[in-house]
Structures are given as structure tokens and as C-alpha cells.
């Protein structure tokens, strides 16, 4: 209740002092919104991030922001730091990034703050260093929802392998910790075999092969990133004669994270059972939205937004937690899912 009271007061103060449309709502004001935006893409080896890049490009072409030439840090923190410094030197007035190593970007964020260059972080929450806004889904919910889905599908017993993301990333930690906690609490008779992958498909495939050799009765798999894990996993299971259709004997129940078109195809084919759709379209849309609002000098406060999400306070700024729905064979054809909108005008 105290949070709501504080939020209402903050909104009232903003409305009294400015001509903004409302707390956590879009602004029609153009004043102070000029300036170039630097946009760094985190990698190009993932279907999810390539889709995100497509949405970013679409937004830039539509004039959502005026952007400097985009860079790609290729999952390398040193490249990200260099790219951000280049943006600052080129006159960027706001920066959009998605740091894959969330612990190593703090000093760069501090430098941008001193230069009064607001930073929007997409998908990942930097451990330290000031950010204007983090655009992200609730990654702990990813791990919990994956656990609950697998637990129910397996009847609360069996063996589950888990492709953990890079634990230097807040996303990898959140998903892994939530999955482990949920399994321990709700499904104690399921044995979880965590496999550290650093978001690398080849590493995941190699470790799964070793795991299957010693655990041929494995009956569940949680992939924390379908964009990098899906294809090598399906190739390995097919090679070993273990890619059984859903509903048949020997099928390994698989849930993934990302919500890319290839996962949808795999669900329809019965190769995997579910995924949690990370909103690549909304990540891009609101990354550019917050960059534009930062240029205009808009301030936000914790509370519900007008786009179905909730802004929360984090130690180093604010985070807009966007919705991420579970996708199964029952709703895989839903036209509202971003993967079903690709290629459509």
C-alpha cells in the first residue's frame, strides 16, 4: 500500500509541474527530444537477438529515434565498452545496450552518468551502475514457470537436465535460481542435473551427450535460451534416436525460453513441448520508447504502465517488467505472439 501511495504522489507531482500525459504513460511532448541514440546489439548468433535487431531496425526506419550506425558487441564485454565509448565520442545523447556480462559494465555506466548520457538496458539488468530504464521480463518467473510446467508434465518424478545460461548474467542467475528453488520446494522427487553452458549451443550439446550416456532415463529438459540451444539439441537427440514425438513412449519433455519461430515449429511437430515467449518486439519497441523519453527529460516512477507491464524500483534505477507468456500446442498459433507476426506488415 505504501508503494501505491508513493507512486500516486509522484504522479501528482509530475502532473502539477509538467505537461506530461501522466505517470508511466507515453508523452506527446517533442521538447528536448532531439539527439542521436547509440544502439549496441549484443550478439548475432541467436535467432532471438536477430529478431530483436529486425524490430530495432524497423523502429529506427519509422523514425522512432534518430540513431547512430548500430554496433554489435558479439557477446564480448570489451567490445561493448569500446562501442559505448565510441557512441559517446560521436555525440550520442542516449544509449541502448544489452550487456551479456552484467557485472562488468558498472564502470562504463558510471562514466555515461557523468557525461549525462542516459542508458537503457534491454533484457539484462546491470548489477551496478546507473540506468535510466531496464526493459526486461521477469526472469525469475521464467525459471519458476518452466519448473512448474515440467513438474506437472512429469507427474512430479524423473530426471531433468537444465541448460543454465551464463551465471555472470543476471538472466542466467535468475532463471537458474528460480528453477532450482521451485524444483526443491514443489517437486523434490525430480532430480535436476544443471549444466553450465555460458549461452553456447555447442557446449550445451556436448554436455547433454555426456549426461545422456550416464542418465539414459532422462525424461525432461529445460533450455534457458532456445535461440542458441534448440537446433543443436534437436540434432543430437535425432542422431541418438531419442527425438520421440510428444505423447509417445520415450519422449523427453522439453521447455525452452525465447519464443522464436523455430521453437513454434518444433512445438507443432511435437519435438518440444513448450516455450516462454520473450517479447523481442516489445523489447525493441520500449527500448526506443524509453530512449526517446530520456532525450525529452521524462521521469518515471514505480507502478503499472499503460502497456500491460509494471515498473519496479531496482538499486540502480528502474525496470519495466514486460509480460512473457507460456506457449504450448494449445496457443502456439496465437496471432498476438510476436513470432507469428514476423513477415507481416
Foldseek 3Di string as FASTA:
>chain_A
DVQVVVQVVVFVVCVVPDVAPTFQAFGPDQPLLAFEEEEEQAADLFLLSVVLVVLLVVCVVVPLHHYDPYHYQHLPVVSVLVSLVVCVVVGGQEYEEAHQQLAPCAVSLQVCVVVNHAYEYEQFDRPHHAHAEYEHAQLLVQQLVLLVVVCVVVVLAFEEEEEAAAPSTPSSVSNVVSNVVNCVPPRVRYHYHYQYDNLAQVSVLVVVVVVCVVCVRAAEYEAAGCRHHVPSNLVSCVVVVQQDAPPDPNQREYEYEALALVVLVCQVRRRYFKYWHTQSNVSSVVSSSSSSVVSNVDHHGFADHPPGWTWDDDPRYIYTHDHIHMDGPVCSCPCVRVNNCPPPD
